[in-house]
Structures are given as C-alpha cells and as structure tokens.
Full PDB file with SEQRES, HELIX, SHEET, SSBOND, CRYST1, ORIGX, SCALE, CONECT and MASTER records, all heavy atoms in Angstrom:
SEQRES   1 A   39  GLU HIS LEU VAL GLU ALA LEU GLN ASN LYS TYR SER SER          
SEQRES   2 A   39  HIS GLU TYR ILE ASP GLU ILE GLU ASN MET LEU GLY VAL          
SEQRES   3 A   39  LYS LEU LEU ASN LEU ASP GLU PHE ARG LEU ASN ASN ILE          
HELIX    1 AA1 HIS A    2  ASN A   37  1                                  36    
CRYST1    1.000    1.000    1.000  90.00  90.00  90.00 P 1           1          
ORIGX1      1.000000  0.000000  0.000000        0.00000                         
ORIGX2      0.000000  1.000000  0.000000        0.00000                         
ORIGX3      0.000000  0.000000  1.000000        0.00000                         
SCALE1      1.000000  0.000000  0.000000        0.00000                         
SCALE2      0.000000  1.000000  0.000000        0.00000                         
SCALE3      0.000000  0.000000  1.000000        0.00000                         
ATOM      1  N   GLU A   1       0.818  -1.216   0.000  1.00  0.00           N  
ATOM      2  CA  GLU A   1       0.000   0.000   0.000  1.00  0.00           C  
ATOM      3  C   GLU A   1       0.852   1.265   0.000  1.00  0.00           C  
ATOM      4  O   GLU A   1       0.452   2.294  -0.555  1.00  0.00           O  
ATOM      5  CB  GLU A   1      -0.925   0.000   1.219  1.00  0.00           C  
ATOM      6  CG  GLU A   1      -1.980  -1.112   1.177  1.00  0.00           C  
ATOM      7  CD  GLU A   1      -2.893  -1.090   2.390  1.00  0.00           C  
ATOM      8  OE1 GLU A   1      -2.723  -0.183   3.236  1.00  0.00           O  
ATOM      9  OE2 GLU A   1      -3.775  -1.962   2.486  1.00  0.00           O  
ATOM     10  N   HIS A   2       2.034   1.201   0.635  1.00  0.00           N  
ATOM     11  CA  HIS A   2       2.922   2.363   0.652  1.00  0.00           C  
ATOM     12  C   HIS A   2       3.384   2.719  -0.759  1.00  0.00           C  
ATOM     13  O   HIS A   2       3.499   3.892  -1.123  1.00  0.00           O  
ATOM     14  CB  HIS A   2       4.139   2.091   1.543  1.00  0.00           C  
ATOM     15  CG  HIS A   2       3.798   1.940   2.988  1.00  0.00           C  
ATOM     16  ND1 HIS A   2       3.254   2.954   3.743  1.00  0.00           N  
ATOM     17  CD2 HIS A   2       3.921   0.872   3.823  1.00  0.00           C  
ATOM     18  CE1 HIS A   2       3.053   2.538   4.980  1.00  0.00           C  
ATOM     19  NE2 HIS A   2       3.445   1.279   5.057  1.00  0.00           N  
ATOM     20  N   LEU A   3       3.639   1.697  -1.574  1.00  0.00           N  
ATOM     21  CA  LEU A   3       4.059   1.914  -2.956  1.00  0.00           C  
ATOM     22  C   LEU A   3       2.942   2.535  -3.772  1.00  0.00           C  
ATOM     23  O   LEU A   3       3.167   3.494  -4.527  1.00  0.00           O  
ATOM     24  CB  LEU A   3       4.500   0.589  -3.580  1.00  0.00           C  
ATOM     25  CG  LEU A   3       4.871   0.615  -5.070  1.00  0.00           C  
ATOM     26  CD1 LEU A   3       5.935   1.677  -5.357  1.00  0.00           C  
ATOM     27  CD2 LEU A   3       5.351  -0.759  -5.525  1.00  0.00           C  
ATOM     28  N   VAL A   4       1.734   2.014  -3.634  1.00  0.00           N  
ATOM     29  CA  VAL A   4       0.584   2.558  -4.368  1.00  0.00           C  
ATOM     30  C   VAL A   4       0.355   4.015  -3.984  1.00  0.00           C  
ATOM     31  O   VAL A   4       0.153   4.881  -4.858  1.00  0.00           O  
ATOM     32  CB  VAL A   4      -0.682   1.730  -4.092  1.00  0.00           C  
ATOM     33  CG1 VAL A   4      -1.900   2.382  -4.751  1.00  0.00           C  
ATOM     34  CG2 VAL A   4      -0.511   0.302  -4.608  1.00  0.00           C  
ATOM     35  N   GLU A   5       0.399   4.297  -2.695  1.00  0.00           N  
ATOM     36  CA  GLU A   5       0.184   5.674  -2.223  1.00  0.00           C  
ATOM     37  C   GLU A   5       1.286   6.602  -2.714  1.00  0.00           C  
ATOM     38  O   GLU A   5       1.022   7.745  -3.108  1.00  0.00           O  
ATOM     39  CB  GLU A   5       0.131   5.690  -0.700  1.00  0.00           C  
ATOM     40  CG  GLU A   5      -0.167   7.070  -0.112  1.00  0.00           C  
ATOM     41  CD  GLU A   5      -0.242   7.060   1.397  1.00  0.00           C  
ATOM     42  OE1 GLU A   5      -0.097   5.963   2.002  1.00  0.00           O  
ATOM     43  OE2 GLU A   5      -0.441   8.130   1.991  1.00  0.00           O  
ATOM     44  N   ALA A   6       2.529   6.109  -2.720  1.00  0.00           N  
ATOM     45  CA  ALA A   6       3.659   6.925  -3.178  1.00  0.00           C  
ATOM     46  C   ALA A   6       3.521   7.264  -4.657  1.00  0.00           C  
ATOM     47  O   ALA A   6       3.812   8.391  -5.082  1.00  0.00           O  
ATOM     48  CB  ALA A   6       4.970   6.191  -2.925  1.00  0.00           C  
ATOM     49  N   LEU A   7       3.061   6.301  -5.457  1.00  0.00           N  
ATOM     50  CA  LEU A   7       2.840   6.554  -6.887  1.00  0.00           C  
ATOM     51  C   LEU A   7       1.743   7.596  -7.102  1.00  0.00           C  
ATOM     52  O   LEU A   7       1.876   8.505  -7.928  1.00  0.00           O  
ATOM     53  CB  LEU A   7       2.466   5.255  -7.599  1.00  0.00           C  
ATOM     54  CG  LEU A   7       3.601   4.263  -7.869  1.00  0.00           C  
ATOM     55  CD1 LEU A   7       3.042   2.913  -8.295  1.00  0.00           C  
ATOM     56  CD2 LEU A   7       4.540   4.802  -8.943  1.00  0.00           C  
ATOM     57  N   GLN A   8       0.657   7.469  -6.353  1.00  0.00           N  
ATOM     58  CA  GLN A   8      -0.452   8.418  -6.485  1.00  0.00           C  
ATOM     59  C   GLN A   8      -0.015   9.826  -6.081  1.00  0.00           C  
ATOM     60  O   GLN A   8      -0.349  10.808  -6.754  1.00  0.00           O  
ATOM     61  CB  GLN A   8      -1.628   7.949  -5.637  1.00  0.00           C  
ATOM     62  CG  GLN A   8      -2.279   6.673  -6.152  1.00  0.00           C  
ATOM     63  CD  GLN A   8      -3.278   6.087  -5.171  1.00  0.00           C  
ATOM     64  OE1 GLN A   8      -3.244   6.367  -3.977  1.00  0.00           O  
ATOM     65  NE2 GLN A   8      -4.180   5.252  -5.674  1.00  0.00           N  
ATOM     66  N   ASN A   9       0.734   9.940  -4.983  1.00  0.00           N  
ATOM     67  CA  ASN A   9       1.200  11.243  -4.506  1.00  0.00           C  
ATOM     68  C   ASN A   9       2.162  11.893  -5.492  1.00  0.00           C  
ATOM     69  O   ASN A   9       2.156  13.116  -5.669  1.00  0.00           O  
ATOM     70  CB  ASN A   9       1.874  11.104  -3.146  1.00  0.00           C  
ATOM     71  CG  ASN A   9       0.891  10.790  -2.038  1.00  0.00           C  
ATOM     72  OD1 ASN A   9      -0.309  11.049  -2.174  1.00  0.00           O  
ATOM     73  ND2 ASN A   9       1.376  10.235  -0.944  1.00  0.00           N  
ATOM     74  N   LYS A  10       2.978  11.058  -6.126  1.00  0.00           N  
ATOM     75  CA  LYS A  10       3.946  11.582  -7.084  1.00  0.00           C  
ATOM     76  C   LYS A  10       3.259  12.361  -8.196  1.00  0.00           C  
ATOM     77  O   LYS A  10       3.609  13.503  -8.483  1.00  0.00           O  
ATOM     78  CB  LYS A  10       4.760  10.435  -7.701  1.00  0.00           C  
ATOM     79  CG  LYS A  10       5.660  10.867  -8.862  1.00  0.00           C  
ATOM     80  CD  LYS A  10       6.354   9.670  -9.473  1.00  0.00           C  
ATOM     81  CE  LYS A  10       7.108  10.067 -10.744  1.00  0.00           C  
ATOM     82  NZ  LYS A  10       8.237  10.969 -10.485  1.00  0.00           N  
ATOM     83  N   TYR A  11       2.253  11.770  -8.803  1.00  0.00           N  
ATOM     84  CA  TYR A  11       1.640  12.398  -9.966  1.00  0.00           C  
ATOM     85  C   TYR A  11       0.654  13.507  -9.598  1.00  0.00           C  
ATOM     86  O   TYR A  11       0.409  14.393 -10.411  1.00  0.00           O  
ATOM     87  CB  TYR A  11       1.013  11.326 -10.861  1.00  0.00           C  
ATOM     88  CG  TYR A  11       2.101  10.493 -11.498  1.00  0.00           C  
ATOM     89  CD1 TYR A  11       2.374   9.199 -11.066  1.00  0.00           C  
ATOM     90  CD2 TYR A  11       2.921  11.034 -12.477  1.00  0.00           C  
ATOM     91  CE1 TYR A  11       3.406   8.456 -11.623  1.00  0.00           C  
ATOM     92  CE2 TYR A  11       3.959  10.308 -13.037  1.00  0.00           C  
ATOM     93  CZ  TYR A  11       4.198   9.028 -12.607  1.00  0.00           C  
ATOM     94  OH  TYR A  11       5.239   8.312 -13.145  1.00  0.00           O  
ATOM     95  N   SER A  12       0.143  13.492  -8.375  1.00  0.00           N  
ATOM     96  CA  SER A  12      -0.685  14.624  -7.949  1.00  0.00           C  
ATOM     97  C   SER A  12       0.202  15.849  -7.679  1.00  0.00           C  
ATOM     98  O   SER A  12      -0.195  16.983  -7.978  1.00  0.00           O  
ATOM     99  CB  SER A  12      -1.494  14.263  -6.702  1.00  0.00           C  
ATOM    100  OG  SER A  12      -0.646  13.975  -5.603  1.00  0.00           O  
ATOM    101  N   SER A  13       1.399  15.638  -7.141  1.00  0.00           N  
ATOM    102  CA  SER A  13       2.302  16.770  -6.897  1.00  0.00           C  
ATOM    103  C   SER A  13       2.866  17.310  -8.200  1.00  0.00           C  
ATOM    104  O   SER A  13       3.180  18.495  -8.301  1.00  0.00           O  
ATOM    105  CB  SER A  13       3.443  16.357  -5.956  1.00  0.00           C  
ATOM    106  OG  SER A  13       4.274  15.385  -6.555  1.00  0.00           O  
ATOM    107  N   HIS A  14       2.978  16.462  -9.214  1.00  0.00           N  
ATOM    108  CA  HIS A  14       3.423  16.943 -10.526  1.00  0.00           C  
ATOM    109  C   HIS A  14       2.439  17.986 -11.069  1.00  0.00           C  
ATOM    110  O   HIS A  14       2.843  18.943 -11.741  1.00  0.00           O  
ATOM    111  CB  HIS A  14       3.547  15.780 -11.510  1.00  0.00           C  
ATOM    112  CG  HIS A  14       4.833  15.013 -11.361  1.00  0.00           C  
ATOM    113  ND1 HIS A  14       5.219  14.035 -12.238  1.00  0.00           N  
ATOM    114  CD2 HIS A  14       5.815  15.098 -10.440  1.00  0.00           C  
ATOM    115  CE1 HIS A  14       6.385  13.540 -11.856  1.00  0.00           C  
ATOM    116  NE2 HIS A  14       6.759  14.165 -10.770  1.00  0.00           N  
ATOM    117  N   GLU A  15       1.173  17.785 -10.798  1.00  0.00           N  
ATOM    118  CA  GLU A  15       0.166  18.753 -11.247  1.00  0.00           C  
ATOM    119  C   GLU A  15       0.391  20.107 -10.579  1.00  0.00           C  
ATOM    120  O   GLU A  15       0.206  21.161 -11.206  1.00  0.00           O  
ATOM    121  CB  GLU A  15      -1.232  18.229 -10.931  1.00  0.00           C  
ATOM    122  CG  GLU A  15      -1.624  16.980 -11.722  1.00  0.00           C  
ATOM    123  CD  GLU A  15      -2.969  16.426 -11.301  1.00  0.00           C  
ATOM    124  OE1 GLU A  15      -3.612  17.043 -10.405  1.00  0.00           O  
ATOM    125  OE2 GLU A  15      -3.391  15.398 -11.864  1.00  0.00           O  
ATOM    126  N   TYR A  16       0.791  20.095  -9.308  1.00  0.00           N  
ATOM    127  CA  TYR A  16       1.055  21.340  -8.586  1.00  0.00           C  
ATOM    128  C   TYR A  16       2.291  22.038  -9.144  1.00  0.00           C  
ATOM    129  O   TYR A  16       2.304  23.264  -9.311  1.00  0.00           O  
ATOM    130  CB  TYR A  16       1.238  21.044  -7.096  1.00  0.00           C  
ATOM    131  CG  TYR A  16       1.433  22.278  -6.235  1.00  0.00           C  
ATOM    132  CD1 TYR A  16       0.621  23.394  -6.391  1.00  0.00           C  
ATOM    133  CD2 TYR A  16       2.438  22.324  -5.271  1.00  0.00           C  
ATOM    134  CE1 TYR A  16       0.793  24.528  -5.606  1.00  0.00           C  
ATOM    135  CE2 TYR A  16       2.620  23.450  -4.481  1.00  0.00           C  
ATOM    136  CZ  TYR A  16       1.794  24.547  -4.655  1.00  0.00           C  
ATOM    137  OH  TYR A  16       1.975  25.665  -3.882  1.00  0.00           O  
ATOM    138  N   ILE A  17       3.334  21.257  -9.457  1.00  0.00           N  
ATOM    139  CA  ILE A  17       4.536  21.825 -10.073  1.00  0.00           C  
ATOM    140  C   ILE A  17       4.184  22.483 -11.404  1.00  0.00           C  
ATOM    141  O   ILE A  17       4.642  23.589 -11.712  1.00  0.00           O  
ATOM    142  CB  ILE A  17       5.607  20.731 -10.274  1.00  0.00           C  
ATOM    143  CG1 ILE A  17       6.166  20.276  -8.915  1.00  0.00           C  
ATOM    144  CG2 ILE A  17       6.745  21.226 -11.161  1.00  0.00           C  
ATOM    145  CD1 ILE A  17       7.118  19.093  -8.994  1.00  0.00           C  
ATOM    146  N   ASP A  18       3.363  21.810 -12.174  1.00  0.00           N  
ATOM    147  CA  ASP A  18       2.938  22.346 -13.470  1.00  0.00           C  
ATOM    148  C   ASP A  18       2.164  23.649 -13.297  1.00  0.00           C  
ATOM    149  O   ASP A  18       2.323  24.594 -14.086  1.00  0.00           O  
ATOM    150  CB  ASP A  18       2.078  21.306 -14.193  1.00  0.00           C  
ATOM    151  CG  ASP A  18       1.747  21.718 -15.617  1.00  0.00           C  
ATOM    152  OD1 ASP A  18       2.689  22.016 -16.377  1.00  0.00           O  
ATOM    153  OD2 ASP A  18       0.559  21.745 -15.964  1.00  0.00           O  
ATOM    154  N   GLU A  19       1.347  23.732 -12.260  1.00  0.00           N  
ATOM    155  CA  GLU A  19       0.573  24.950 -12.003  1.00  0.00           C  
ATOM    156  C   GLU A  19       1.496  26.116 -11.636  1.00  0.00           C  
ATOM    157  O   GLU A  19       1.276  27.259 -12.078  1.00  0.00           O  
ATOM    158  CB  GLU A  19      -0.426  24.693 -10.870  1.00  0.00           C  
ATOM    159  CG  GLU A  19      -1.346  25.871 -10.571  1.00  0.00           C  
ATOM    160  CD  GLU A  19      -2.223  26.264 -11.746  1.00  0.00           C  
ATOM    161  OE1 GLU A  19      -2.528  25.388 -12.591  1.00  0.00           O  
ATOM    162  OE2 GLU A  19      -2.598  27.448 -11.830  1.00  0.00           O  
ATOM    163  N   ILE A  20       2.525  25.850 -10.851  1.00  0.00           N  
ATOM    164  CA  ILE A  20       3.494  26.902 -10.508  1.00  0.00           C  
ATOM    165  C   ILE A  20       4.171  27.423 -11.770  1.00  0.00           C  
ATOM    166  O   ILE A  20       4.327  28.633 -11.957  1.00  0.00           O  
ATOM    167  CB  ILE A  20       4.543  26.368  -9.512  1.00  0.00           C  
ATOM    168  CG1 ILE A  20       3.897  26.051  -8.161  1.00  0.00           C  
ATOM    169  CG2 ILE A  20       5.670  27.396  -9.319  1.00  0.00           C  
ATOM    170  CD1 ILE A  20       4.838  25.390  -7.172  1.00  0.00           C  
ATOM    171  N   GLU A  21       4.575  26.503 -12.648  1.00  0.00           N  
ATOM    172  CA  GLU A  21       5.224  26.906 -13.898  1.00  0.00           C  
ATOM    173  C   GLU A  21       4.287  27.743 -14.761  1.00  0.00           C  
ATOM    174  O   GLU A  21       4.712  28.722 -15.399  1.00  0.00           O  
ATOM    175  CB  GLU A  21       5.697  25.672 -14.656  1.00  0.00           C  
ATOM    176  CG  GLU A  21       6.877  24.973 -13.998  1.00  0.00           C  
ATOM    177  CD  GLU A  21       7.241  23.662 -14.675  1.00  0.00           C  
ATOM    178  OE1 GLU A  21       6.319  22.992 -15.214  1.00  0.00           O  
ATOM    179  OE2 GLU A  21       8.422  23.300 -14.663  1.00  0.00           O  
ATOM    180  N   ASN A  22       3.015  27.383 -14.783  1.00  0.00           N  
ATOM    181  CA  ASN A  22       2.044  28.154 -15.565  1.00  0.00           C  
ATOM    182  C   ASN A  22       1.878  29.567 -15.011  1.00  0.00           C  
ATOM    183  O   ASN A  22       1.806  30.541 -15.773  1.00  0.00           O  
ATOM    184  CB  ASN A  22       0.690  27.443 -15.573  1.00  0.00           C  
ATOM    185  CG  ASN A  22       0.700  26.177 -16.414  1.00  0.00           C  
ATOM    186  OD1 ASN A  22       1.539  26.011 -17.299  1.00  0.00           O  
ATOM    187  ND2 ASN A  22      -0.218  25.262 -16.136  1.00  0.00           N  
ATOM    188  N   MET A  23       1.819  29.684 -13.678  1.00  0.00           N  
ATOM    189  CA  MET A  23       1.693  31.007 -13.059  1.00  0.00           C  
ATOM    190  C   MET A  23       2.940  31.842 -13.313  1.00  0.00           C  
ATOM    191  O   MET A  23       2.857  33.050 -13.573  1.00  0.00           O  
ATOM    192  CB  MET A  23       1.434  30.863 -11.564  1.00  0.00           C  
ATOM    193  CG  MET A  23       0.049  30.331 -11.224  1.00  0.00           C  
ATOM    194  SD  MET A  23      -0.353  30.388  -9.443  1.00  0.00           S  
ATOM    195  CE  MET A  23       0.717  29.100  -8.821  1.00  0.00           C  
ATOM    196  N   LEU A  24       4.104  31.209 -13.260  1.00  0.00           N  
ATOM    197  CA  LEU A  24       5.349  31.921 -13.558  1.00  0.00           C  
ATOM    198  C   LEU A  24       5.367  32.396 -15.008  1.00  0.00           C  
ATOM    199  O   LEU A  24       5.851  33.496 -15.308  1.00  0.00           O  
ATOM    200  CB  LEU A  24       6.543  31.007 -13.307  1.00  0.00           C  
ATOM    201  CG  LEU A  24       7.282  31.189 -11.987  1.00  0.00           C  
ATOM    202  CD1 LEU A  24       8.318  30.094 -11.796  1.00  0.00           C  
ATOM    203  CD2 LEU A  24       7.918  32.557 -11.890  1.00  0.00           C  
ATOM    204  N   GLY A  25       4.840  31.566 -15.901  1.00  0.00           N  
ATOM    205  CA  GLY A  25       4.792  31.945 -17.316  1.00  0.00           C  
ATOM    206  C   GLY A  25       4.016  33.233 -17.523  1.00  0.00           C  
ATOM    207  O   GLY A  25       4.411  34.083 -18.335  1.00  0.00           O  
ATOM    208  N   VAL A  26       2.927  33.397 -16.791  1.00  0.00           N  
ATOM    209  CA  VAL A  26       2.129  34.631 -16.882  1.00  0.00           C  
ATOM    210  C   VAL A  26       2.924  35.815 -16.360  1.00  0.00           C  
ATOM    211  O   VAL A  26       2.947  36.894 -16.977  1.00  0.00           O  
ATOM    212  CB  VAL A  26       0.810  34.479 -16.092  1.00  0.00           C  
ATOM    213  CG1 VAL A  26       0.054  35.808 -16.053  1.00  0.00           C  
ATOM    214  CG2 VAL A  26      -0.063  33.394 -16.713  1.00  0.00           C  
ATOM    215  N   LYS A  27       3.610  35.625 -15.231  1.00  0.00           N  
ATOM    216  CA  LYS A  27       4.421  36.705 -14.648  1.00  0.00           C  
ATOM    217  C   LYS A  27       5.534  37.122 -15.611  1.00  0.00           C  
ATOM    218  O   LYS A  27       5.799  38.322 -15.800  1.00  0.00           O  
ATOM    219  CB  LYS A  27       5.041  36.247 -13.329  1.00  0.00           C  
ATOM    220  CG  LYS A  27       4.052  35.888 -12.234  1.00  0.00           C  
ATOM    221  CD  LYS A  27       3.390  37.097 -11.632  1.00  0.00           C  
ATOM    222  CE  LYS A  27       2.522  36.724 -10.443  1.00  0.00           C  
ATOM    223  NZ  LYS A  27       1.780  37.880  -9.883  1.00  0.00           N  
ATOM    224  N   LEU A  28       6.190  36.148 -16.222  1.00  0.00           N  
ATOM    225  CA  LEU A  28       7.291  36.450 -17.136  1.00  0.00           C  
ATOM    226  C   LEU A  28       6.790  37.117 -18.409  1.00  0.00           C  
ATOM    227  O   LEU A  28       7.475  37.977 -18.975  1.00  0.00           O  
ATOM    228  CB  LEU A  28       8.054  35.165 -17.469  1.00  0.00           C  
ATOM    229  CG  LEU A  28       8.837  34.544 -16.307  1.00  0.00           C  
ATOM    230  CD1 LEU A  28       9.397  33.193 -16.698  1.00  0.00           C  
ATOM    231  CD2 LEU A  28       9.953  35.469 -15.852  1.00  0.00           C  
ATOM    232  N   LEU A  29       5.607  36.713 -18.839  1.00  0.00           N  
ATOM    233  CA  LEU A  29       5.028  37.333 -20.029  1.00  0.00           C  
ATOM    234  C   LEU A  29       4.828  38.828 -19.807  1.00  0.00           C  
ATOM    235  O   LEU A  29       5.019  39.632 -20.732  1.00  0.00           O  
ATOM    236  CB  LEU A  29       3.693  36.660 -20.367  1.00  0.00           C  
ATOM    237  CG  LEU A  29       3.035  37.069 -21.683  1.00  0.00           C  
ATOM    238  CD1 LEU A  29       3.922  36.715 -22.872  1.00  0.00           C  
ATOM    239  CD2 LEU A  29       1.680  36.382 -21.830  1.00  0.00           C  
ATOM    240  N   ASN A  30       4.474  39.203 -18.595  1.00  0.00           N  
ATOM    241  CA  ASN A  30       4.274  40.616 -18.275  1.00  0.00           C  
ATOM    242  C   ASN A  30       5.585  41.407 -18.245  1.00  0.00           C  
ATOM    243  O   ASN A  30       5.565  42.634 -18.249  1.00  0.00           O  
ATOM    244  CB  ASN A  30       3.581  40.746 -16.914  1.00  0.00           C  
ATOM    245  CG  ASN A  30       2.136  40.279 -16.955  1.00  0.00           C  
ATOM    246  OD1 ASN A  30       1.485  40.337 -18.000  1.00  0.00           O  
ATOM    247  ND2 ASN A  30       1.626  39.801 -15.835  1.00  0.00           N  
ATOM    248  N   LEU A  31       6.706  40.694 -18.206  1.00  0.00           N  
ATOM    249  CA  LEU A  31       8.019  41.355 -18.202  1.00  0.00           C  
ATOM    250  C   LEU A  31       8.700  41.305 -19.565  1.00  0.00           C  
ATOM    251  O   LEU A  31       9.749  41.919 -19.760  1.00  0.00           O  
ATOM    252  CB  LEU A  31       8.922  40.696 -17.160  1.00  0.00           C  
ATOM    253  CG  LEU A  31       8.636  41.047 -15.695  1.00  0.00           C  
ATOM    254  CD1 LEU A  31       9.246  40.001 -14.761  1.00  0.00           C  
ATOM    255  CD2 LEU A  31       9.178  42.435 -15.365  1.00  0.00           C  
ATOM    256  N   ASP A  32       8.111  40.568 -20.492  1.00  0.00           N  
ATOM    257  CA  ASP A  32       8.745  40.358 -21.801  1.00  0.00           C  
ATOM    258  C   ASP A  32       9.025  41.661 -22.539  1.00  0.00           C  
ATOM    259  O   ASP A  32      10.106  41.852 -23.105  1.00  0.00           O  
ATOM    260  CB  ASP A  32       7.863  39.466 -22.679  1.00  0.00           C  
ATOM    261  CG  ASP A  32       8.246  38.005 -22.560  1.00  0.00           C  
ATOM    262  OD1 ASP A  32       9.196  37.697 -21.812  1.00  0.00           O  
ATOM    263  OD2 ASP A  32       7.585  37.170 -23.203  1.00  0.00           O  
ATOM    264  N   GLU A  33       8.050  42.551 -22.561  1.00  0.00           N  
ATOM    265  CA  GLU A  33       8.197  43.781 -23.347  1.00  0.00           C  
ATOM    266  C   GLU A  33       9.375  44.609 -22.843  1.00  0.00           C  
ATOM    267  O   GLU A  33      10.194  45.077 -23.644  1.00  0.00           O  
ATOM    268  CB  GLU A  33       6.913  44.608 -23.292  1.00  0.00           C  
ATOM    269  CG  GLU A  33       6.977  45.862 -24.160  1.00  0.00           C  
ATOM    270  CD  GLU A  33       5.669  46.637 -24.171  1.00  0.00           C  
ATOM    271  OE1 GLU A  33       4.704  46.191 -23.501  1.00  0.00           O  
ATOM    272  OE2 GLU A  33       5.615  47.697 -24.836  1.00  0.00           O  
ATOM    273  N   PHE A  34       9.457  44.779 -21.527  1.00  0.00           N  
ATOM    274  CA  PHE A  34      10.571  45.561 -20.983  1.00  0.00           C  
ATOM    275  C   PHE A  34      11.907  44.879 -21.271  1.00  0.00           C  
ATOM    276  O   PHE A  34      12.877  45.526 -21.694  1.00  0.00           O  
ATOM    277  CB  PHE A  34      10.414  45.763 -19.476  1.00  0.00           C  
ATOM    278  CG  PHE A  34      11.538  46.555 -18.867  1.00  0.00           C  
ATOM    279  CD1 PHE A  34      11.514  47.943 -18.904  1.00  0.00           C  
ATOM    280  CD2 PHE A  34      12.626  45.915 -18.273  1.00  0.00           C  
ATOM    281  CE1 PHE A  34      12.564  48.684 -18.355  1.00  0.00           C  
ATOM    282  CE2 PHE A  34      13.675  46.649 -17.726  1.00  0.00           C  
ATOM    283  CZ  PHE A  34      13.636  48.029 -17.772  1.00  0.00           C  
ATOM    284  N   ARG A  35      11.966  43.584 -21.044  1.00  0.00           N  
ATOM    285  CA  ARG A  35      13.226  42.858 -21.261  1.00  0.00           C  
ATOM    286  C   ARG A  35      13.680  42.939 -22.712  1.00  0.00           C  
ATOM    287  O   ARG A  35      14.837  43.291 -22.991  1.00  0.00           O  
ATOM    288  CB  ARG A  35      13.050  41.385 -20.853  1.00  0.00           C  
ATOM    289  CG  ARG A  35      14.281  40.510 -21.127  1.00  0.00           C  
ATOM    290  CD  ARG A  35      14.119  39.133 -20.521  1.00  0.00           C  
ATOM    291  NE  ARG A  35      12.938  38.457 -21.026  1.00  0.00           N  
ATOM    292  CZ  ARG A  35      12.908  37.721 -22.135  1.00  0.00           C  
ATOM    293  NH1 ARG A  35      14.002  37.586 -22.853  1.00  0.00           N  
ATOM    294  NH2 ARG A  35      11.798  37.128 -22.530  1.00  0.00           N  
ATOM    295  N   LEU A  36      12.788  42.649 -23.643  1.00  0.00           N  
ATOM    296  CA  LEU A  36      13.159  42.616 -25.057  1.00  0.00           C  
ATOM    297  C   LEU A  36      13.488  43.998 -25.609  1.00  0.00           C  
ATOM    298  O   LEU A  36      14.293  44.128 -26.533  1.00  0.00           O  
ATOM    299  CB  LEU A  36      12.036  41.980 -25.871  1.00  0.00           C  
ATOM    300  CG  LEU A  36      11.769  40.500 -25.560  1.00  0.00           C  
ATOM    301  CD1 LEU A  36      10.557  40.000 -26.325  1.00  0.00           C  
ATOM    302  CD2 LEU A  36      12.989  39.644 -25.878  1.00  0.00           C  
ATOM    303  N   ASN A  37      12.891  45.031 -25.027  1.00  0.00           N  
ATOM    304  CA  ASN A  37      13.153  46.388 -25.490  1.00  0.00           C  
ATOM    305  C   ASN A  37      14.429  46.988 -24.901  1.00  0.00           C  
ATOM    306  O   ASN A  37      14.873  48.060 -25.347  1.00  0.00           O  
ATOM    307  CB  ASN A  37      11.976  47.313 -25.147  1.00  0.00           C  
ATOM    308  CG  ASN A  37      10.769  47.060 -26.025  1.00  0.00           C  
ATOM    309  OD1 ASN A  37      10.890  46.513 -27.125  1.00  0.00           O  
ATOM    310  ND2 ASN A  37       9.601  47.442 -25.549  1.00  0.00           N  
ATOM    311  N   ASN A  38      15.007  46.309 -23.904  1.00  0.00           N  
ATOM    312  CA  ASN A  38      16.133  46.927 -23.199  1.00  0.00           C  
ATOM    313  C   ASN A  38      17.369  46.041 -23.081  1.00  0.00           C  
ATOM    314  O   ASN A  38      18.255  46.323 -22.272  1.00  0.00           O  
ATOM    315  CB  ASN A  38      15.686  47.339 -21.792  1.00  0.00           C  
ATOM    316  CG  ASN A  38      14.709  48.486 -21.806  1.00  0.00           C  
ATOM    317  OD1 ASN A  38      15.080  49.648 -21.991  1.00  0.00           O  
ATOM    318  ND2 ASN A  38      13.434  48.169 -21.626  1.00  0.00           N  
ATOM    319  N   ILE A  39      17.441  45.005 -23.895  1.00  0.00           N  
ATOM    320  CA  ILE A  39      18.652  44.175 -23.897  1.00  0.00           C  
ATOM    321  C   ILE A  39      19.209  44.061 -25.306  1.00  0.00           C  
ATOM    322  O   ILE A  39      18.503  44.271 -26.297  1.00  0.00           O  
ATOM    323  CB  ILE A  39      18.387  42.759 -23.338  1.00  0.00           C  
ATOM    324  CG1 ILE A  39      17.354  42.017 -24.197  1.00  0.00           C  
ATOM    325  CG2 ILE A  39      17.967  42.817 -21.876  1.00  0.00           C  
ATOM    326  CD1 ILE A  39      17.203  40.545 -23.812  1.00  0.00           C  
TER     327      ILE A  39                                                      
MASTER        0    0    0    1    0    0    0    6  326    1    0    3          
END                                                                             
C-alpha cells in the first residue's frame, strides 16, 4: 500500500509543479516587453 500511495502522490504533486510553472509563465510574459526592449 505504501508503494501505491507513493505513486499516487507523485503524480498529484506533478500537477502542482505544473501549475506553478504556468503562473510563472504569466508573470514572465508581463516582463517580456521591458526585457526585449532593453537588452
């Protein structure tokens, strides 16, 4: 049962990691114009 639970927890936490990356993508998109215009 520990193995089954560990497998289930692994892929549910992957969804959370993916959500963080998506939120970061929005934040970075808001900085794109300044960055690209000034480098």
